Amino acid sequence: MATYLSILLETLDVTGPIFIIVLTGLALRRLGFIDDHFIEVSSRLVFSLCLPILLFTTITRIDLSATLDPGLVVFSLVASLFTFSLAWLAAIMTAPTIDRGVLTQAAFRSNLGVIGLALCASAYGNDGLALASILMAVLTVSYNILSVIVLSIYAETAPGVRKILIDIVRNPLIIAIAIALLFAVGNIPVPGVLRSTGEYLGRLALPLALLGAGAAMNLRTIRDSGAQTIIGTLLKTILLPGAVTAGAVAMGYSGTALGVVFLLFVSPTATASYIMVKSMGGNDRLAANLVMVTTLVGIFTTSLGLFLLRLFGLA
């Protein structure tokens, strides 16, 4: 009994602070301390400056040869294709034609840059954050391409291939990770004063991003939730991450590698999915519902999943 309790408390030490900060952002918005302007400015600050700096300082600090596992990178890419395929199949079987793209994207596209990274950093420190950053670079490219493909099939408007590629190349997170990998591979030292400055700015990234994520949620959307929201939530928070984690265990992964894979894939639906659906004329209300509900349900499924992995000594 004591063992179960200690593992449970250890798990809550990892997931609890992350979701408490998200819920704090939601509460501050409802109390009037945070408004739309704050959300817009803080999001731009996080994704254009603080988070790229955090990723750069983290990756350049670790031993890349000990952290980078090419096999895990390939596995994560294949897993993204696998979850995309299953999500699309489920959407074809359960959703009206007009909503199939929205449901597919919401079911497989994780919130990597905010909740995923925060969970990995909380659970495994700098090593977990560095590994998650590298996997995130691959998954971000995959997510963007696959999302545009499935949304384009069902949406009123669709961006061209050139715009998709330009957006990926210009993504500040991708740029930061690419530069950091060059520094790490080339053993290029980062001057102490720049590293210290970067670490100060980087510390702003995750708390500010989590507050913004919570503030952007709208509880009123839950009242409009229907069958598609329930199906998407089950896929995103339980079925698909469970399948990926089982596959990783079967491939022999454990410890930090397994935990990072689980936390990235179990993270709730990315806010970017709503933005993309809205820009392409899709069912933005369903997209908003799925972001909101998967975030709330994810509080429990993420904690339960990590608890089980640690209970069985896997992660």
C-alpha atoms as a PDB file:
ATOM      1  CA  MET A   1       0.000   0.000   0.000  1.00  0.00           C
ATOM      2  CA  ALA A   2       2.824   2.373   0.885  1.00  0.00           C
ATOM      3  CA  THR A   3       4.453   1.674  -2.487  1.00  0.00           C
ATOM      4  CA  TYR A   4       1.271   2.515  -4.379  1.00  0.00           C
ATOM      5  CA  LEU A   5       0.876   5.730  -2.400  1.00  0.00           C
ATOM      6  CA  SER A   6       4.477   6.824  -2.894  1.00  0.00           C
ATOM      7  CA  ILE A   7       4.266   6.238  -6.662  1.00  0.00           C
ATOM      8  CA  LEU A   8       0.954   8.094  -6.809  1.00  0.00           C
ATOM      9  CA  LEU A   9       2.394  11.078  -4.943  1.00  0.00           C
ATOM     10  CA  GLU A  10       5.476  11.007  -7.153  1.00  0.00           C
ATOM     11  CA  THR A  11       3.249  11.018 -10.234  1.00  0.00           C
ATOM     12  CA  LEU A  12       1.151  13.902  -8.954  1.00  0.00           C
ATOM     13  CA  ASP A  13       4.365  15.828  -8.277  1.00  0.00           C
ATOM     14  CA  VAL A  14       5.002  15.600 -12.028  1.00  0.00           C
ATOM     15  CA  THR A  15       1.569  16.257 -13.505  1.00  0.00           C
ATOM     16  CA  GLY A  16      -0.065  18.292 -10.735  1.00  0.00           C
ATOM     17  CA  PRO A  17       1.903  21.547 -11.079  1.00  0.00           C
ATOM     18  CA  ILE A  18       1.497  21.578 -14.862  1.00  0.00           C
ATOM     19  CA  PHE A  19      -2.272  21.325 -14.841  1.00  0.00           C
ATOM     20  CA  ILE A  20      -2.637  23.549 -11.764  1.00  0.00           C
ATOM     21  CA  ILE A  21      -0.890  26.349 -13.676  1.00  0.00           C
ATOM     22  CA  VAL A  22      -3.217  25.758 -16.642  1.00  0.00           C
ATOM     23  CA  LEU A  23      -6.261  25.944 -14.361  1.00  0.00           C
ATOM     24  CA  THR A  24      -4.783  29.046 -12.702  1.00  0.00           C
ATOM     25  CA  GLY A  25      -4.681  30.704 -16.112  1.00  0.00           C
ATOM     26  CA  LEU A  26      -8.332  29.789 -16.615  1.00  0.00           C
ATOM     27  CA  ALA A  27      -9.247  31.219 -13.196  1.00  0.00           C
ATOM     28  CA  LEU A  28      -7.277  34.438 -13.742  1.00  0.00           C
ATOM     29  CA  ARG A  29      -9.074  34.966 -17.051  1.00  0.00           C
ATOM     30  CA  ARG A  30     -12.489  34.545 -15.425  1.00  0.00           C
ATOM     31  CA  LEU A  31     -11.488  36.914 -12.597  1.00  0.00           C
ATOM     32  CA  GLY A  32     -10.401  39.570 -15.079  1.00  0.00           C
ATOM     33  CA  PHE A  33      -6.660  39.540 -14.344  1.00  0.00           C
ATOM     34  CA  ILE A  34      -5.928  38.193 -17.840  1.00  0.00           C
ATOM     35  CA  ASP A  35      -7.576  39.366 -21.059  1.00  0.00           C
ATOM     36  CA  ASP A  36      -7.334  38.647 -24.784  1.00  0.00           C
ATOM     37  CA  HIS A  37      -4.522  41.167 -25.209  1.00  0.00           C
ATOM     38  CA  PHE A  38      -2.405  39.417 -22.574  1.00  0.00           C
ATOM     39  CA  ILE A  39      -3.023  36.031 -24.213  1.00  0.00           C
ATOM     40  CA  GLU A  40      -2.011  37.357 -27.629  1.00  0.00           C
ATOM     41  CA  VAL A  41       1.129  39.154 -26.423  1.00  0.00           C
ATOM     42  CA  SER A  42       2.280  36.377 -24.082  1.00  0.00           C
ATOM     43  CA  SER A  43       1.769  33.730 -26.773  1.00  0.00           C
ATOM     44  CA  ARG A  44       3.859  35.736 -29.220  1.00  0.00           C
ATOM     45  CA  LEU A  45       6.566  36.274 -26.589  1.00  0.00           C
ATOM     46  CA  VAL A  46       6.638  32.579 -25.664  1.00  0.00           C
ATOM     47  CA  PHE A  47       6.717  31.103 -29.151  1.00  0.00           C
ATOM     48  CA  SER A  48       8.909  33.744 -30.791  1.00  0.00           C
ATOM     49  CA  LEU A  49      11.489  34.242 -28.026  1.00  0.00           C
ATOM     50  CA  CYS A  50      11.311  32.424 -24.693  1.00  0.00           C
ATOM     51  CA  LEU A  51      10.521  28.887 -25.837  1.00  0.00           C
ATOM     52  CA  PRO A  52      13.077  28.873 -28.694  1.00  0.00           C
ATOM     53  CA  ILE A  53      15.714  30.094 -26.227  1.00  0.00           C
ATOM     54  CA  LEU A  54      14.717  27.404 -23.719  1.00  0.00           C
ATOM     55  CA  LEU A  55      15.071  24.692 -26.369  1.00  0.00           C
ATOM     56  CA  PHE A  56      18.426  26.052 -27.529  1.00  0.00           C
ATOM     57  CA  THR A  57      19.952  26.300 -24.053  1.00  0.00           C
ATOM     58  CA  THR A  58      18.657  22.856 -23.091  1.00  0.00           C
ATOM     59  CA  ILE A  59      19.920  21.010 -26.168  1.00  0.00           C
ATOM     60  CA  THR A  60      23.339  22.700 -26.133  1.00  0.00           C
ATOM     61  CA  ARG A  61      23.796  21.788 -22.466  1.00  0.00           C
ATOM     62  CA  ILE A  62      23.361  18.005 -22.757  1.00  0.00           C
ATOM     63  CA  ASP A  63      25.503  15.200 -24.172  1.00  0.00           C
ATOM     64  CA  LEU A  64      23.816  14.702 -27.532  1.00  0.00           C
ATOM     65  CA  SER A  65      25.445  11.334 -28.186  1.00  0.00           C
ATOM     66  CA  ALA A  66      23.936   9.965 -24.979  1.00  0.00           C
ATOM     67  CA  THR A  67      20.520  11.581 -25.483  1.00  0.00           C
ATOM     68  CA  LEU A  68      19.785  11.246 -29.191  1.00  0.00           C
ATOM     69  CA  ASP A  69      18.439   7.864 -30.242  1.00  0.00           C
ATOM     70  CA  PRO A  70      17.847   7.755 -34.022  1.00  0.00           C
ATOM     71  CA  GLY A  71      15.661   4.696 -33.575  1.00  0.00           C
ATOM     72  CA  LEU A  72      13.380   6.591 -31.193  1.00  0.00           C
ATOM     73  CA  VAL A  73      13.127   9.458 -33.665  1.00  0.00           C
ATOM     74  CA  VAL A  74      12.050   7.038 -36.399  1.00  0.00           C
ATOM     75  CA  PHE A  75       9.633   5.325 -34.016  1.00  0.00           C
ATOM     76  CA  SER A  76       8.024   8.665 -33.114  1.00  0.00           C
ATOM     77  CA  LEU A  77       7.624   9.581 -36.783  1.00  0.00           C
ATOM     78  CA  VAL A  78       6.040   6.210 -37.565  1.00  0.00           C
ATOM     79  CA  ALA A  79       3.827   6.579 -34.484  1.00  0.00           C
ATOM     80  CA  SER A  80       2.563   9.937 -35.745  1.00  0.00           C
ATOM     81  CA  LEU A  81       1.620   8.328 -39.070  1.00  0.00           C
ATOM     82  CA  PHE A  82       0.002   5.422 -37.215  1.00  0.00           C
ATOM     83  CA  THR A  83      -2.102   7.634 -34.938  1.00  0.00           C
ATOM     84  CA  PHE A  84      -3.062   9.819 -37.892  1.00  0.00           C
ATOM     85  CA  SER A  85      -4.259   6.786 -39.851  1.00  0.00           C
ATOM     86  CA  LEU A  86      -6.282   5.383 -36.954  1.00  0.00           C
ATOM     87  CA  ALA A  87      -7.781   8.789 -36.180  1.00  0.00           C
ATOM     88  CA  TRP A  88      -8.786   9.268 -39.807  1.00  0.00           C
ATOM     89  CA  LEU A  89     -10.322   5.790 -39.957  1.00  0.00           C
ATOM     90  CA  ALA A  90     -12.295   6.483 -36.782  1.00  0.00           C
ATOM     91  CA  ALA A  91     -13.487   9.810 -38.213  1.00  0.00           C
ATOM     92  CA  ILE A  92     -14.646   8.145 -41.434  1.00  0.00           C
ATOM     93  CA  MET A  93     -16.596   5.592 -39.416  1.00  0.00           C
ATOM     94  CA  THR A  94     -18.198   7.976 -36.909  1.00  0.00           C
ATOM     95  CA  ALA A  95     -18.242  11.593 -38.102  1.00  0.00           C
ATOM     96  CA  PRO A  96     -20.222  13.488 -40.736  1.00  0.00           C
ATOM     97  CA  THR A  97     -18.139  14.146 -43.842  1.00  0.00           C
ATOM     98  CA  ILE A  98     -17.730  17.849 -43.070  1.00  0.00           C
ATOM     99  CA  ASP A  99     -16.244  17.125 -39.604  1.00  0.00           C
ATOM    100  CA  ARG A 100     -13.898  14.275 -40.481  1.00  0.00           C
ATOM    101  CA  GLY A 101     -10.833  16.466 -40.962  1.00  0.00           C
ATOM    102  CA  VAL A 102     -11.449  18.349 -37.713  1.00  0.00           C
ATOM    103  CA  LEU A 103     -11.895  15.166 -35.696  1.00  0.00           C
ATOM    104  CA  THR A 104      -8.868  13.492 -37.266  1.00  0.00           C
ATOM    105  CA  GLN A 105      -6.536  16.388 -36.512  1.00  0.00           C
ATOM    106  CA  ALA A 106      -7.771  16.808 -32.942  1.00  0.00           C
ATOM    107  CA  ALA A 107      -7.347  13.108 -32.200  1.00  0.00           C
ATOM    108  CA  PHE A 108      -3.710  12.794 -33.278  1.00  0.00           C
ATOM    109  CA  ARG A 109      -2.155  16.272 -32.931  1.00  0.00           C
ATOM    110  CA  SER A 110      -0.651  16.850 -29.474  1.00  0.00           C
ATOM    111  CA  ASN A 111       0.102  20.094 -27.686  1.00  0.00           C
ATOM    112  CA  LEU A 112       3.851  19.484 -27.826  1.00  0.00           C
ATOM    113  CA  GLY A 113       5.268  22.968 -27.375  1.00  0.00           C
ATOM    114  CA  VAL A 114       3.489  23.780 -24.125  1.00  0.00           C
ATOM    115  CA  ILE A 115       2.029  20.876 -22.167  1.00  0.00           C
ATOM    116  CA  GLY A 116       4.147  18.122 -23.730  1.00  0.00           C
ATOM    117  CA  LEU A 117       7.456  19.858 -23.037  1.00  0.00           C
ATOM    118  CA  ALA A 118       6.345  20.957 -19.576  1.00  0.00           C
ATOM    119  CA  LEU A 119       5.394  17.404 -18.599  1.00  0.00           C
ATOM    120  CA  CYS A 120       8.676  15.976 -19.903  1.00  0.00           C
ATOM    121  CA  ALA A 121      10.713  18.617 -18.086  1.00  0.00           C
ATOM    122  CA  SER A 122       8.782  18.024 -14.873  1.00  0.00           C
ATOM    123  CA  ALA A 123       9.156  14.248 -15.078  1.00  0.00           C
ATOM    124  CA  TYR A 124      12.731  13.871 -16.344  1.00  0.00           C
ATOM    125  CA  GLY A 125      14.501  17.216 -15.987  1.00  0.00           C
ATOM    126  CA  ASN A 126      16.856  18.578 -18.630  1.00  0.00           C
ATOM    127  CA  ASP A 127      17.494  15.177 -20.225  1.00  0.00           C
ATOM    128  CA  GLY A 128      13.781  14.648 -20.735  1.00  0.00           C
ATOM    129  CA  LEU A 129      13.318  18.179 -22.031  1.00  0.00           C
ATOM    130  CA  ALA A 130      16.194  17.790 -24.494  1.00  0.00           C
ATOM    131  CA  LEU A 131      14.897  14.480 -25.824  1.00  0.00           C
ATOM    132  CA  ALA A 132      11.369  15.865 -26.064  1.00  0.00           C
ATOM    133  CA  SER A 133      12.687  18.890 -27.963  1.00  0.00           C
ATOM    134  CA  ILE A 134      14.334  16.719 -30.595  1.00  0.00           C
ATOM    135  CA  LEU A 135      11.266  14.520 -31.010  1.00  0.00           C
ATOM    136  CA  MET A 136       9.086  17.623 -31.125  1.00  0.00           C
ATOM    137  CA  ALA A 137      11.002  18.927 -34.132  1.00  0.00           C
ATOM    138  CA  VAL A 138      10.186  15.778 -36.095  1.00  0.00           C
ATOM    139  CA  LEU A 139       6.605  15.562 -34.870  1.00  0.00           C
ATOM    140  CA  THR A 140       5.871  19.230 -35.556  1.00  0.00           C
ATOM    141  CA  VAL A 141       6.769  18.813 -39.221  1.00  0.00           C
ATOM    142  CA  SER A 142       4.742  15.602 -39.432  1.00  0.00           C
ATOM    143  CA  TYR A 143       1.747  17.111 -37.636  1.00  0.00           C
ATOM    144  CA  ASN A 144       1.623  20.169 -39.878  1.00  0.00           C
ATOM    145  CA  ILE A 145       1.830  18.228 -43.124  1.00  0.00           C
ATOM    146  CA  LEU A 146      -0.685  15.557 -42.106  1.00  0.00           C
ATOM    147  CA  SER A 147      -3.110  18.127 -40.671  1.00  0.00           C
ATOM    148  CA  VAL A 148      -3.140  20.167 -43.858  1.00  0.00           C
ATOM    149  CA  ILE A 149      -3.643  17.024 -45.963  1.00  0.00           C
ATOM    150  CA  VAL A 150      -6.693  15.800 -44.050  1.00  0.00           C
ATOM    151  CA  LEU A 151      -8.227  19.248 -43.559  1.00  0.00           C
ATOM    152  CA  SER A 152      -7.747  20.115 -47.233  1.00  0.00           C
ATOM    153  CA  ILE A 153      -9.801  17.102 -48.280  1.00  0.00           C
ATOM    154  CA  TYR A 154     -12.839  18.251 -46.298  1.00  0.00           C
ATOM    155  CA  ALA A 155     -12.363  22.027 -45.902  1.00  0.00           C
ATOM    156  CA  GLU A 156     -13.718  24.952 -47.924  1.00  0.00           C
ATOM    157  CA  THR A 157     -10.284  26.487 -48.475  1.00  0.00           C
ATOM    158  CA  ALA A 158      -6.792  25.029 -48.339  1.00  0.00           C
ATOM    159  CA  PRO A 159      -3.271  26.534 -48.307  1.00  0.00           C
ATOM    160  CA  GLY A 160      -0.792  25.638 -51.017  1.00  0.00           C
ATOM    161  CA  VAL A 161       2.181  23.340 -50.539  1.00  0.00           C
ATOM    162  CA  ARG A 162       4.571  26.295 -50.755  1.00  0.00           C
ATOM    163  CA  LYS A 163       2.904  28.060 -47.821  1.00  0.00           C
ATOM    164  CA  ILE A 164       3.014  24.894 -45.719  1.00  0.00           C
ATOM    165  CA  LEU A 165       6.746  24.462 -46.314  1.00  0.00           C
ATOM    166  CA  ILE A 166       7.465  28.149 -45.648  1.00  0.00           C
ATOM    167  CA  ASP A 167       5.542  28.042 -42.358  1.00  0.00           C
ATOM    168  CA  ILE A 168       7.510  24.973 -41.246  1.00  0.00           C
ATOM    169  CA  VAL A 169      10.878  26.479 -42.164  1.00  0.00           C
ATOM    170  CA  ARG A 170      10.006  29.759 -40.428  1.00  0.00           C
ATOM    171  CA  ASN A 171       8.754  28.078 -37.244  1.00  0.00           C
ATOM    172  CA  PRO A 172      10.884  29.603 -34.434  1.00  0.00           C
ATOM    173  CA  LEU A 173      10.926  26.322 -32.509  1.00  0.00           C
ATOM    174  CA  ILE A 174      12.207  24.358 -35.517  1.00  0.00           C
ATOM    175  CA  ILE A 175      14.858  27.022 -36.169  1.00  0.00           C
ATOM    176  CA  ALA A 176      16.012  27.005 -32.528  1.00  0.00           C
ATOM    177  CA  ILE A 177      16.268  23.211 -32.419  1.00  0.00           C
ATOM    178  CA  ALA A 178      18.161  23.086 -35.731  1.00  0.00           C
ATOM    179  CA  ILE A 179      20.687  25.706 -34.582  1.00  0.00           C
ATOM    180  CA  ALA A 180      21.079  23.991 -31.209  1.00  0.00           C
ATOM    181  CA  LEU A 181      21.791  20.653 -32.907  1.00  0.00           C
ATOM    182  CA  LEU A 182      24.475  22.332 -35.035  1.00  0.00           C
ATOM    183  CA  PHE A 183      26.101  23.733 -31.888  1.00  0.00           C
ATOM    184  CA  ALA A 184      25.864  20.372 -30.130  1.00  0.00           C
ATOM    185  CA  VAL A 185      27.202  18.312 -33.037  1.00  0.00           C
ATOM    186  CA  GLY A 186      29.984  20.802 -33.731  1.00  0.00           C
ATOM    187  CA  ASN A 187      30.893  21.164 -30.035  1.00  0.00           C
ATOM    188  CA  ILE A 188      30.568  24.932 -30.414  1.00  0.00           C
ATOM    189  CA  PRO A 189      30.723  26.575 -26.968  1.00  0.00           C
ATOM    190  CA  VAL A 190      28.079  29.081 -25.908  1.00  0.00           C
ATOM    191  CA  PRO A 191      29.599  32.073 -24.038  1.00  0.00           C
ATOM    192  CA  GLY A 192      28.721  32.019 -20.359  1.00  0.00           C
ATOM    193  CA  VAL A 193      27.009  35.403 -20.307  1.00  0.00           C
ATOM    194  CA  LEU A 194      24.800  34.451 -23.261  1.00  0.00           C
ATOM    195  CA  ARG A 195      23.935  31.093 -21.714  1.00  0.00           C
ATOM    196  CA  SER A 196      23.008  32.701 -18.383  1.00  0.00           C
ATOM    197  CA  THR A 197      20.879  35.328 -20.130  1.00  0.00           C
ATOM    198  CA  GLY A 198      19.212  32.626 -22.192  1.00  0.00           C
ATOM    199  CA  GLU A 199      18.469  30.537 -19.122  1.00  0.00           C
ATOM    200  CA  TYR A 200      16.766  33.502 -17.437  1.00  0.00           C
ATOM    201  CA  LEU A 201      14.571  34.089 -20.492  1.00  0.00           C
ATOM    202  CA  GLY A 202      13.985  30.370 -20.966  1.00  0.00           C
ATOM    203  CA  ARG A 203      12.595  30.028 -17.452  1.00  0.00           C
ATOM    204  CA  LEU A 204       9.736  32.308 -18.477  1.00  0.00           C
ATOM    205  CA  ALA A 205       8.650  30.034 -21.309  1.00  0.00           C
ATOM    206  CA  LEU A 206       6.733  27.144 -19.780  1.00  0.00           C
ATOM    207  CA  PRO A 207       4.934  28.917 -16.878  1.00  0.00           C
ATOM    208  CA  LEU A 208       3.865  31.771 -19.160  1.00  0.00           C
ATOM    209  CA  ALA A 209       2.791  29.365 -21.896  1.00  0.00           C
ATOM    210  CA  LEU A 210       0.772  27.255 -19.450  1.00  0.00           C
ATOM    211  CA  LEU A 211      -0.969  30.323 -18.016  1.00  0.00           C
ATOM    212  CA  GLY A 212      -1.827  31.441 -21.539  1.00  0.00           C
ATOM    213  CA  ALA A 213      -3.117  27.995 -22.465  1.00  0.00           C
ATOM    214  CA  GLY A 214      -5.445  28.013 -19.473  1.00  0.00           C
ATOM    215  CA  ALA A 215      -6.597  31.569 -20.080  1.00  0.00           C
ATOM    216  CA  ALA A 216      -7.460  30.743 -23.695  1.00  0.00           C
ATOM    217  CA  MET A 217      -9.878  27.971 -22.670  1.00  0.00           C
ATOM    218  CA  ASN A 218     -13.609  28.657 -22.697  1.00  0.00           C
ATOM    219  CA  LEU A 219     -15.688  26.507 -20.355  1.00  0.00           C
ATOM    220  CA  ARG A 220     -18.880  27.477 -22.159  1.00  0.00           C
ATOM    221  CA  THR A 221     -17.860  25.346 -25.136  1.00  0.00           C
ATOM    222  CA  ILE A 222     -18.349  22.198 -23.042  1.00  0.00           C
ATOM    223  CA  ARG A 223     -22.102  22.767 -23.145  1.00  0.00           C
ATOM    224  CA  ASP A 224     -21.967  22.333 -26.919  1.00  0.00           C
ATOM    225  CA  SER A 225     -20.025  19.073 -26.734  1.00  0.00           C
ATOM    226  CA  GLY A 226     -21.537  16.119 -28.562  1.00  0.00           C
ATOM    227  CA  ALA A 227     -20.640  12.663 -29.772  1.00  0.00           C
ATOM    228  CA  GLN A 228     -17.732  13.884 -31.905  1.00  0.00           C
ATOM    229  CA  THR A 229     -16.139  15.583 -28.903  1.00  0.00           C
ATOM    230  CA  ILE A 230     -16.472  12.402 -26.852  1.00  0.00           C
ATOM    231  CA  ILE A 231     -14.992  10.240 -29.622  1.00  0.00           C
ATOM    232  CA  GLY A 232     -12.121  12.647 -30.232  1.00  0.00           C
ATOM    233  CA  THR A 233     -11.363  12.881 -26.518  1.00  0.00           C
ATOM    234  CA  LEU A 234     -11.295   9.099 -26.079  1.00  0.00           C
ATOM    235  CA  LEU A 235      -8.961   8.752 -29.050  1.00  0.00           C
ATOM    236  CA  LYS A 236      -6.639  11.577 -27.984  1.00  0.00           C
ATOM    237  CA  THR A 237      -6.358  10.920 -24.270  1.00  0.00           C
ATOM    238  CA  ILE A 238      -6.635   7.129 -23.997  1.00  0.00           C
ATOM    239  CA  LEU A 239      -6.746   4.943 -27.105  1.00  0.00           C
ATOM    240  CA  LEU A 240      -4.059   6.401 -29.383  1.00  0.00           C
ATOM    241  CA  PRO A 241      -1.424   7.212 -26.720  1.00  0.00           C
ATOM    242  CA  GLY A 242      -2.105   3.813 -25.179  1.00  0.00           C
ATOM    243  CA  ALA A 243      -1.423   2.102 -28.503  1.00  0.00           C
ATOM    244  CA  VAL A 244       1.771   4.103 -29.093  1.00  0.00           C
ATOM    245  CA  THR A 245       3.043   3.415 -25.573  1.00  0.00           C
ATOM    246  CA  ALA A 246       2.329  -0.300 -25.942  1.00  0.00           C
ATOM    247  CA  GLY A 247       4.255  -0.255 -29.210  1.00  0.00           C
ATOM    248  CA  ALA A 248       7.201   1.495 -27.550  1.00  0.00           C
ATOM    249  CA  VAL A 249       7.254  -1.111 -24.776  1.00  0.00           C
ATOM    250  CA  ALA A 250       7.160  -3.886 -27.384  1.00  0.00           C
ATOM    251  CA  MET A 251      10.140  -2.241 -29.115  1.00  0.00           C
ATOM    252  CA  GLY A 252      12.098  -2.423 -25.864  1.00  0.00           C
ATOM    253  CA  TYR A 253      11.964   1.218 -24.788  1.00  0.00           C
ATOM    254  CA  SER A 254      11.823   2.068 -21.095  1.00  0.00           C
ATOM    255  CA  GLY A 255      12.833   4.774 -18.634  1.00  0.00           C
ATOM    256  CA  THR A 256      13.112   8.333 -19.920  1.00  0.00           C
ATOM    257  CA  ALA A 257      12.626   7.363 -23.574  1.00  0.00           C
ATOM    258  CA  LEU A 258       9.344   5.568 -22.897  1.00  0.00           C
ATOM    259  CA  GLY A 259       8.113   8.251 -20.518  1.00  0.00           C
ATOM    260  CA  VAL A 260       8.824  11.054 -22.993  1.00  0.00           C
ATOM    261  CA  VAL A 261       7.045   9.216 -25.812  1.00  0.00           C
ATOM    262  CA  PHE A 262       4.017   8.629 -23.601  1.00  0.00           C
ATOM    263  CA  LEU A 263       3.863  12.223 -22.357  1.00  0.00           C
ATOM    264  CA  LEU A 264       4.187  13.714 -25.842  1.00  0.00           C
ATOM    265  CA  PHE A 265       1.498  11.529 -27.367  1.00  0.00           C
ATOM    266  CA  VAL A 266      -0.914  11.737 -24.415  1.00  0.00           C
ATOM    267  CA  SER A 267      -0.743  15.545 -24.306  1.00  0.00           C
ATOM    268  CA  PRO A 268      -4.081  17.180 -25.158  1.00  0.00           C
ATOM    269  CA  THR A 269      -5.052  18.506 -28.558  1.00  0.00           C
ATOM    270  CA  ALA A 270      -2.865  21.362 -29.764  1.00  0.00           C
ATOM    271  CA  THR A 271      -4.332  24.860 -29.758  1.00  0.00           C
ATOM    272  CA  ALA A 272      -2.871  25.244 -33.244  1.00  0.00           C
ATOM    273  CA  SER A 273      -5.437  22.723 -34.481  1.00  0.00           C
ATOM    274  CA  TYR A 274      -8.241  25.198 -33.740  1.00  0.00           C
ATOM    275  CA  ILE A 275      -6.392  28.010 -35.503  1.00  0.00           C
ATOM    276  CA  MET A 276      -5.815  25.883 -38.603  1.00  0.00           C
ATOM    277  CA  VAL A 277      -9.443  24.691 -38.739  1.00  0.00           C
ATOM    278  CA  LYS A 278     -10.753  28.250 -38.421  1.00  0.00           C
ATOM    279  CA  SER A 279      -8.439  29.542 -41.159  1.00  0.00           C
ATOM    280  CA  MET A 280      -9.626  26.798 -43.529  1.00  0.00           C
ATOM    281  CA  GLY A 281     -13.345  27.315 -42.944  1.00  0.00           C
ATOM    282  CA  GLY A 282     -13.933  24.140 -40.926  1.00  0.00           C
ATOM    283  CA  ASN A 283     -16.058  23.463 -37.858  1.00  0.00           C
ATOM    284  CA  ASP A 284     -14.136  25.699 -35.471  1.00  0.00           C
ATOM    285  CA  ARG A 285     -16.634  25.122 -32.633  1.00  0.00           C
ATOM    286  CA  LEU A 286     -15.909  21.382 -32.664  1.00  0.00           C
ATOM    287  CA  ALA A 287     -12.184  22.132 -32.815  1.00  0.00           C
ATOM    288  CA  ALA A 288     -12.441  24.442 -29.791  1.00  0.00           C
ATOM    289  CA  ASN A 289     -14.461  21.852 -27.871  1.00  0.00           C
ATOM    290  CA  LEU A 290     -11.838  19.190 -28.481  1.00  0.00           C
ATOM    291  CA  VAL A 291      -8.965  21.419 -27.339  1.00  0.00           C
ATOM    292  CA  MET A 292     -10.832  22.293 -24.160  1.00  0.00           C
ATOM    293  CA  VAL A 293     -12.179  18.861 -23.242  1.00  0.00           C
ATOM    294  CA  THR A 294      -8.981  16.923 -24.007  1.00  0.00           C
ATOM    295  CA  THR A 295      -7.075  19.359 -21.783  1.00  0.00           C
ATOM    296  CA  LEU A 296      -9.446  18.816 -18.860  1.00  0.00           C
ATOM    297  CA  VAL A 297      -9.721  15.040 -19.304  1.00  0.00           C
ATOM    298  CA  GLY A 298      -5.969  14.857 -19.850  1.00  0.00           C
ATOM    299  CA  ILE A 299      -5.416  15.941 -16.253  1.00  0.00           C
ATOM    300  CA  PHE A 300      -6.647  12.527 -15.168  1.00  0.00           C
ATOM    301  CA  THR A 301      -5.535  10.270 -18.046  1.00  0.00           C
ATOM    302  CA  THR A 302      -1.987  11.636 -18.082  1.00  0.00           C
ATOM    303  CA  SER A 303      -1.634  11.151 -14.345  1.00  0.00           C
ATOM    304  CA  LEU A 304      -3.123   7.655 -14.492  1.00  0.00           C
ATOM    305  CA  GLY A 305      -0.940   6.601 -17.416  1.00  0.00           C
ATOM    306  CA  LEU A 306       2.274   7.838 -15.830  1.00  0.00           C
ATOM    307  CA  PHE A 307       1.276   6.224 -12.533  1.00  0.00           C
ATOM    308  CA  LEU A 308       0.828   2.836 -14.237  1.00  0.00           C
ATOM    309  CA  LEU A 309       4.127   3.114 -16.110  1.00  0.00           C
ATOM    310  CA  ARG A 310       5.963   3.860 -12.874  1.00  0.00           C
ATOM    311  CA  LEU A 311       4.045   1.248 -10.925  1.00  0.00           C
ATOM    312  CA  PHE A 312       5.312  -1.437 -13.300  1.00  0.00           C
ATOM    313  CA  GLY A 313       8.825   0.050 -13.370  1.00  0.00           C
ATOM    314  CA  LEU A 314       8.676   0.983 -17.054  1.00  0.00           C
ATOM    315  CA  ALA A 315       9.190   4.740 -16.905  1.00  0.00           C
END
